[in-house]
């Protein structure tokens, strides 16, 4: 488990064909990937930067795409990466937004013990931590990873976004 560069994520709602929206996002500098997900949002967009000016410029370009109807941006203050779980675009992905009571470090240590853990970021806003999990199948993500999040003492609320399509890497 290594500490890694922080990044930014944009959670977006969109109307119309997501493939067209993703093709427009793909042309924007500093975007690393866009993942279609189920849940309150339609896309999770990972940026290559955490530098505020670059992240803001990228966010503005994404918001100017006509099919994007709503966005929520998070900037990572601290992150941990599981370097052994880097199957990247070959695996299903789940994102968990977590509200935490108590020590972030304690929660991060507990998250690292969950099977299929890929990365976690301490973020500002309505949620405190964004965690990502990768597995061979969506069923494995749900059964071995997502369901275990609720058993961690100190997590007071969670919201899970499951990818239904592989992330588009740029």
C-alpha atoms as a PDB file:
ATOM      1  CA  UNK A   1       0.000   0.000   0.000  1.00  0.00           C
ATOM      2  CA  UNK A   2       1.503   3.297  -1.007  1.00  0.00           C
ATOM      3  CA  UNK A   3       0.606   6.911  -0.566  1.00  0.00           C
ATOM      4  CA  UNK A   4       0.250   8.484  -3.958  1.00  0.00           C
ATOM      5  CA  UNK A   5      -0.443  11.783  -5.647  1.00  0.00           C
ATOM      6  CA  UNK A   6      -3.793  13.223  -4.842  1.00  0.00           C
ATOM      7  CA  UNK A   7      -6.231  13.733  -7.659  1.00  0.00           C
ATOM      8  CA  UNK A   8      -9.613  15.250  -8.330  1.00  0.00           C
ATOM      9  CA  UNK A   9     -12.867  13.552  -9.258  1.00  0.00           C
ATOM     10  CA  UNK A  10     -15.946  15.001 -10.910  1.00  0.00           C
ATOM     11  CA  UNK A  11     -19.273  13.244 -10.409  1.00  0.00           C
ATOM     12  CA  UNK A  12     -21.607  14.170 -13.255  1.00  0.00           C
ATOM     13  CA  UNK A  13     -25.222  13.725 -14.268  1.00  0.00           C
ATOM     14  CA  UNK A  14     -25.884  13.807 -17.963  1.00  0.00           C
ATOM     15  CA  UNK A  15     -28.746  13.597 -20.416  1.00  0.00           C
ATOM     16  CA  UNK A  16     -28.744  11.727 -23.683  1.00  0.00           C
ATOM     17  CA  UNK A  17     -26.206   9.251 -24.985  1.00  0.00           C
ATOM     18  CA  UNK A  18     -23.367   8.765 -22.487  1.00  0.00           C
ATOM     19  CA  UNK A  19     -20.980   7.497 -25.170  1.00  0.00           C
ATOM     20  CA  UNK A  20     -21.252  10.868 -26.945  1.00  0.00           C
ATOM     21  CA  UNK A  21     -20.673  12.720 -23.665  1.00  0.00           C
ATOM     22  CA  UNK A  22     -17.623  10.560 -22.912  1.00  0.00           C
ATOM     23  CA  UNK A  23     -16.210  11.261 -26.386  1.00  0.00           C
ATOM     24  CA  UNK A  24     -16.466  14.996 -25.644  1.00  0.00           C
ATOM     25  CA  UNK A  25     -14.846  14.563 -22.215  1.00  0.00           C
ATOM     26  CA  UNK A  26     -12.037  12.583 -23.841  1.00  0.00           C
ATOM     27  CA  UNK A  27     -10.891  15.698 -25.727  1.00  0.00           C
ATOM     28  CA  UNK A  28     -10.399  17.736 -22.549  1.00  0.00           C
ATOM     29  CA  UNK A  29      -6.811  17.972 -21.233  1.00  0.00           C
ATOM     30  CA  UNK A  30      -6.138  16.660 -17.701  1.00  0.00           C
ATOM     31  CA  UNK A  31      -8.928  14.046 -17.796  1.00  0.00           C
ATOM     32  CA  UNK A  32      -7.610  10.563 -16.978  1.00  0.00           C
ATOM     33  CA  UNK A  33     -10.818   8.522 -17.268  1.00  0.00           C
ATOM     34  CA  UNK A  34     -14.615   8.619 -17.347  1.00  0.00           C
ATOM     35  CA  UNK A  35     -16.591   5.716 -15.887  1.00  0.00           C
ATOM     36  CA  UNK A  36     -20.342   5.241 -16.444  1.00  0.00           C
ATOM     37  CA  UNK A  37     -21.967   4.286 -13.121  1.00  0.00           C
ATOM     38  CA  UNK A  38     -25.327   3.442 -11.616  1.00  0.00           C
ATOM     39  CA  UNK A  39     -26.716   5.555  -8.807  1.00  0.00           C
ATOM     40  CA  UNK A  40     -27.249   9.226  -8.225  1.00  0.00           C
ATOM     41  CA  UNK A  41     -24.595  10.139 -10.811  1.00  0.00           C
ATOM     42  CA  UNK A  42     -24.090   8.944 -14.385  1.00  0.00           C
ATOM     43  CA  UNK A  43     -20.320   9.395 -14.719  1.00  0.00           C
ATOM     44  CA  UNK A  44     -17.287   9.435 -12.439  1.00  0.00           C
ATOM     45  CA  UNK A  45     -14.544  11.465 -14.107  1.00  0.00           C
ATOM     46  CA  UNK A  46     -11.003  11.168 -12.761  1.00  0.00           C
ATOM     47  CA  UNK A  47      -8.646  14.064 -13.412  1.00  0.00           C
ATOM     48  CA  UNK A  48      -4.878  13.862 -13.830  1.00  0.00           C
ATOM     49  CA  UNK A  49      -4.383  16.911 -11.643  1.00  0.00           C
ATOM     50  CA  UNK A  50      -5.117  18.139  -8.163  1.00  0.00           C
ATOM     51  CA  UNK A  51      -3.651  21.577  -8.843  1.00  0.00           C
ATOM     52  CA  UNK A  52      -6.560  23.967  -8.184  1.00  0.00           C
ATOM     53  CA  UNK A  53      -6.258  26.152 -11.303  1.00  0.00           C
ATOM     54  CA  UNK A  54      -5.943  23.192 -13.674  1.00  0.00           C
ATOM     55  CA  UNK A  55      -8.723  21.271 -11.907  1.00  0.00           C
ATOM     56  CA  UNK A  56     -11.014  24.326 -12.072  1.00  0.00           C
ATOM     57  CA  UNK A  57     -10.294  24.884 -15.778  1.00  0.00           C
ATOM     58  CA  UNK A  58     -10.984  21.210 -16.521  1.00  0.00           C
ATOM     59  CA  UNK A  59     -14.182  21.298 -14.463  1.00  0.00           C
ATOM     60  CA  UNK A  60     -15.405  24.365 -16.358  1.00  0.00           C
ATOM     61  CA  UNK A  61     -14.782  22.653 -19.701  1.00  0.00           C
ATOM     62  CA  UNK A  62     -16.734  19.598 -18.536  1.00  0.00           C
ATOM     63  CA  UNK A  63     -19.602  21.776 -17.286  1.00  0.00           C
ATOM     64  CA  UNK A  64     -19.762  23.457 -20.705  1.00  0.00           C
ATOM     65  CA  UNK A  65     -20.618  20.158 -22.413  1.00  0.00           C
ATOM     66  CA  UNK A  66     -24.339  20.550 -23.252  1.00  0.00           C
ATOM     67  CA  UNK A  67     -25.308  17.039 -22.100  1.00  0.00           C
ATOM     68  CA  UNK A  68     -23.789  17.539 -18.615  1.00  0.00           C
ATOM     69  CA  UNK A  69     -26.635  18.687 -16.364  1.00  0.00           C
ATOM     70  CA  UNK A  70     -25.003  18.669 -12.920  1.00  0.00           C
ATOM     71  CA  UNK A  71     -21.553  18.152 -11.420  1.00  0.00           C
ATOM     72  CA  UNK A  72     -19.995  17.691  -8.024  1.00  0.00           C
ATOM     73  CA  UNK A  73     -16.223  18.044  -7.731  1.00  0.00           C
ATOM     74  CA  UNK A  74     -13.966  16.563  -5.063  1.00  0.00           C
ATOM     75  CA  UNK A  75     -10.304  17.296  -4.544  1.00  0.00           C
ATOM     76  CA  UNK A  76      -8.246  14.716  -2.708  1.00  0.00           C
ATOM     77  CA  UNK A  77      -6.377  15.957   0.363  1.00  0.00           C
ATOM     78  CA  UNK A  78      -4.739  12.614   1.090  1.00  0.00           C
ATOM     79  CA  UNK A  79      -4.794   9.306  -0.730  1.00  0.00           C
ATOM     80  CA  UNK A  80      -3.689   5.709  -0.434  1.00  0.00           C
ATOM     81  CA  UNK A  81      -3.290   3.338  -3.351  1.00  0.00           C
ATOM     82  CA  UNK A  82      -3.171  -0.457  -3.352  1.00  0.00           C
ATOM     83  CA  UNK A  83      -0.395  -0.992  -5.880  1.00  0.00           C
ATOM     84  CA  UNK A  84      -1.208  -4.718  -6.081  1.00  0.00           C
ATOM     85  CA  UNK A  85      -4.749  -4.062  -7.365  1.00  0.00           C
ATOM     86  CA  UNK A  86      -4.067  -2.266 -10.632  1.00  0.00           C
ATOM     87  CA  UNK A  87      -5.994  -4.211 -13.232  1.00  0.00           C
ATOM     88  CA  UNK A  88      -7.203  -0.804 -14.502  1.00  0.00           C
ATOM     89  CA  UNK A  89      -9.465  -0.926 -17.526  1.00  0.00           C
ATOM     90  CA  UNK A  90      -9.824  -4.704 -17.402  1.00  0.00           C
ATOM     91  CA  UNK A  91     -11.953  -4.924 -14.238  1.00  0.00           C
ATOM     92  CA  UNK A  92     -15.342  -3.792 -12.943  1.00  0.00           C
ATOM     93  CA  UNK A  93     -15.114  -0.838 -10.611  1.00  0.00           C
ATOM     94  CA  UNK A  94     -17.125   0.405  -7.629  1.00  0.00           C
ATOM     95  CA  UNK A  95     -16.871   3.774  -5.904  1.00  0.00           C
ATOM     96  CA  UNK A  96     -17.969   4.239  -2.295  1.00  0.00           C
ATOM     97  CA  UNK A  97     -18.635   7.703  -0.877  1.00  0.00           C
ATOM     98  CA  UNK A  98     -18.293   7.510   2.910  1.00  0.00           C
ATOM     99  CA  UNK A  99     -19.236   9.722   5.843  1.00  0.00           C
ATOM    100  CA  UNK A 100     -16.913   9.119   8.764  1.00  0.00           C
ATOM    101  CA  UNK A 101     -17.009   9.698  12.508  1.00  0.00           C
ATOM    102  CA  UNK A 102     -13.597   9.579  14.148  1.00  0.00           C
ATOM    103  CA  UNK A 103     -10.123   9.177  12.719  1.00  0.00           C
ATOM    104  CA  UNK A 104      -9.723   9.164   8.946  1.00  0.00           C
ATOM    105  CA  UNK A 105      -6.483   7.196   9.324  1.00  0.00           C
ATOM    106  CA  UNK A 106      -8.287   4.437  11.223  1.00  0.00           C
ATOM    107  CA  UNK A 107     -10.968   4.183   8.542  1.00  0.00           C
ATOM    108  CA  UNK A 108      -8.352   4.186   5.758  1.00  0.00           C
ATOM    109  CA  UNK A 109      -6.469   1.347   7.505  1.00  0.00           C
ATOM    110  CA  UNK A 110      -9.698  -0.666   7.765  1.00  0.00           C
ATOM    111  CA  UNK A 111     -10.615  -0.008   4.117  1.00  0.00           C
ATOM    112  CA  UNK A 112      -7.232  -1.399   3.039  1.00  0.00           C
ATOM    113  CA  UNK A 113      -8.199  -4.766   4.553  1.00  0.00           C
ATOM    114  CA  UNK A 114     -11.317  -5.149   2.388  1.00  0.00           C
ATOM    115  CA  UNK A 115     -10.813  -7.466  -0.603  1.00  0.00           C
ATOM    116  CA  UNK A 116     -10.464  -5.708  -3.959  1.00  0.00           C
ATOM    117  CA  UNK A 117      -9.531  -2.348  -2.390  1.00  0.00           C
ATOM    118  CA  UNK A 118      -7.871  -0.163  -5.054  1.00  0.00           C
ATOM    119  CA  UNK A 119      -7.592   3.364  -3.641  1.00  0.00           C
ATOM    120  CA  UNK A 120      -9.088   5.850  -1.200  1.00  0.00           C
ATOM    121  CA  UNK A 121      -9.049   9.629  -0.984  1.00  0.00           C
ATOM    122  CA  UNK A 122      -9.893  11.971   1.896  1.00  0.00           C
ATOM    123  CA  UNK A 123     -12.152  14.604   0.342  1.00  0.00           C
ATOM    124  CA  UNK A 124     -14.028  17.731   1.483  1.00  0.00           C
ATOM    125  CA  UNK A 125     -17.785  18.099   1.205  1.00  0.00           C
ATOM    126  CA  UNK A 126     -20.845  16.033   2.055  1.00  0.00           C
ATOM    127  CA  UNK A 127     -18.725  12.864   2.200  1.00  0.00           C
ATOM    128  CA  UNK A 128     -15.327  12.413   3.850  1.00  0.00           C
ATOM    129  CA  UNK A 129     -13.741   9.555   1.898  1.00  0.00           C
ATOM    130  CA  UNK A 130     -13.979   8.289  -1.669  1.00  0.00           C
ATOM    131  CA  UNK A 131     -12.908   4.642  -1.954  1.00  0.00           C
ATOM    132  CA  UNK A 132     -12.553   2.601  -5.139  1.00  0.00           C
ATOM    133  CA  UNK A 133     -12.626  -1.176  -5.499  1.00  0.00           C
ATOM    134  CA  UNK A 134     -11.750  -3.415  -8.493  1.00  0.00           C
ATOM    135  CA  UNK A 135     -12.653  -7.066  -9.000  1.00  0.00           C
ATOM    136  CA  UNK A 136     -13.060  -9.668 -11.717  1.00  0.00           C
ATOM    137  CA  UNK A 137     -16.870  -9.411 -11.648  1.00  0.00           C
ATOM    138  CA  UNK A 138     -19.567  -7.054 -10.411  1.00  0.00           C
ATOM    139  CA  UNK A 139     -20.886  -9.849  -8.182  1.00  0.00           C
ATOM    140  CA  UNK A 140     -17.489 -10.181  -6.514  1.00  0.00           C
ATOM    141  CA  UNK A 141     -17.405  -6.410  -5.958  1.00  0.00           C
ATOM    142  CA  UNK A 142     -20.777  -6.489  -4.245  1.00  0.00           C
ATOM    143  CA  UNK A 143     -20.285  -9.658  -2.194  1.00  0.00           C
ATOM    144  CA  UNK A 144     -16.661  -9.303  -1.088  1.00  0.00           C
ATOM    145  CA  UNK A 145     -16.162  -5.551  -1.014  1.00  0.00           C
ATOM    146  CA  UNK A 146     -19.174  -3.239  -0.993  1.00  0.00           C
ATOM    147  CA  UNK A 147     -21.165  -5.268   1.538  1.00  0.00           C
ATOM    148  CA  UNK A 148     -18.225  -5.165   3.990  1.00  0.00           C
ATOM    149  CA  UNK A 149     -18.043  -1.376   4.071  1.00  0.00           C
ATOM    150  CA  UNK A 150     -21.052  -1.156   6.389  1.00  0.00           C
ATOM    151  CA  UNK A 151     -19.320  -3.322   8.989  1.00  0.00           C
ATOM    152  CA  UNK A 152     -16.526  -0.785   9.536  1.00  0.00           C
ATOM    153  CA  UNK A 153     -17.022   0.990  12.850  1.00  0.00           C
ATOM    154  CA  UNK A 154     -16.870   4.757  12.286  1.00  0.00           C
ATOM    155  CA  UNK A 155     -18.587   4.851   8.892  1.00  0.00           C
ATOM    156  CA  UNK A 156     -21.896   6.601   9.512  1.00  0.00           C
ATOM    157  CA  UNK A 157     -23.251   6.635   5.942  1.00  0.00           C
ATOM    158  CA  UNK A 158     -22.243   5.416   2.515  1.00  0.00           C
ATOM    159  CA  UNK A 159     -23.308   5.686  -1.094  1.00  0.00           C
ATOM    160  CA  UNK A 160     -22.058   3.225  -3.697  1.00  0.00           C
ATOM    161  CA  UNK A 161     -21.696   3.824  -7.424  1.00  0.00           C
ATOM    162  CA  UNK A 162     -21.135   0.661  -9.481  1.00  0.00           C
ATOM    163  CA  UNK A 163     -19.713   0.809 -12.991  1.00  0.00           C
ATOM    164  CA  UNK A 164     -21.779  -0.983 -15.584  1.00  0.00           C
ATOM    165  CA  UNK A 165     -19.165  -0.464 -18.265  1.00  0.00           C
ATOM    166  CA  UNK A 166     -15.391  -0.401 -18.177  1.00  0.00           C
ATOM    167  CA  UNK A 167     -13.764   3.002 -17.585  1.00  0.00           C
ATOM    168  CA  UNK A 168     -12.771   4.918 -20.689  1.00  0.00           C
ATOM    169  CA  UNK A 169      -9.057   5.702 -20.247  1.00  0.00           C
ATOM    170  CA  UNK A 170      -7.646   8.689 -22.121  1.00  0.00           C
END
